Amino acid sequence: MEMRLYDYWRSSASYRVRIALNIKGLTFEQIPVDLRAGGQRTEEYLAVNPQALLPFFESGDVKISQSLAIIDYLEELHPTPAVLPNDAAGRAYVRSMAQIIACDIHPLNNQRVISYLEKDLGCDQLKRMIWYHRWIADGFKALEAAAKAAPGDFCYGDEPTLADICLVPQVYNAKRYEVDLGPFPTLRTINDRCQEIEAFAMAAPQHQPGA
């Protein structure tokens, strides 16, 4: 069944879903929605997703928002290659690492929050960057410790998991905003390793429509 992904080339949440789709070898249609131009607030897109956020996934009658929910659906429908470990403890550990990014870092630093800091609270660029760097550094400090303690060459194990799928887009954002990644050697090594995998490389923002 045809799969469609509404996304924006620089959306890190959309980036996660693109990686997962690529890992599983799934073909999908991309429907670009330009966040910078306010495409998420058009009547056309609000009819698709009233939350006015990206990504949004459709396959037949299945319609799902939120990147981790989309990836969970793909994992259940297409369990091989897996992006979660086989054991319950491993799955919980990977989900906890993914949620450091998806729940603790990303919601504080996404485009609508940065825009609110600028336009509604009057924060200048320096204050916005201090804010942005603070939450990435806090989250990466915890994630560095978790990944360093975990087995394998990736965030957990010897194959990419949901944790790596979340890590790579967040490292992209950190580099874009010139966050010092020196204190996070484990995360930098894992990110570099992921970049050598086609599923990650082809999901990168520069390869997407609108880039």
Foldseek 3Di string as FASTA:
>chain_A
DEKEKEEALLDLLSLLQLLLCVQLPHDYHYDYQDVVVPSLPDPVNCVLPVVSDDIWMDDPPDIDHTSVVSSVVCCVVRVPVHQFDPDPVRNVLLVVLLCLQVPQQDVCLDDVNLVCCCPVVPDDPVVSLVSNLVRLVVSLVVQLVQQVPEDDLASHHPDHHSNLSNLLSSVVVCVVSVHDCVVRVSSVSNNVVVCVDPSSVCSHSVNDPPD
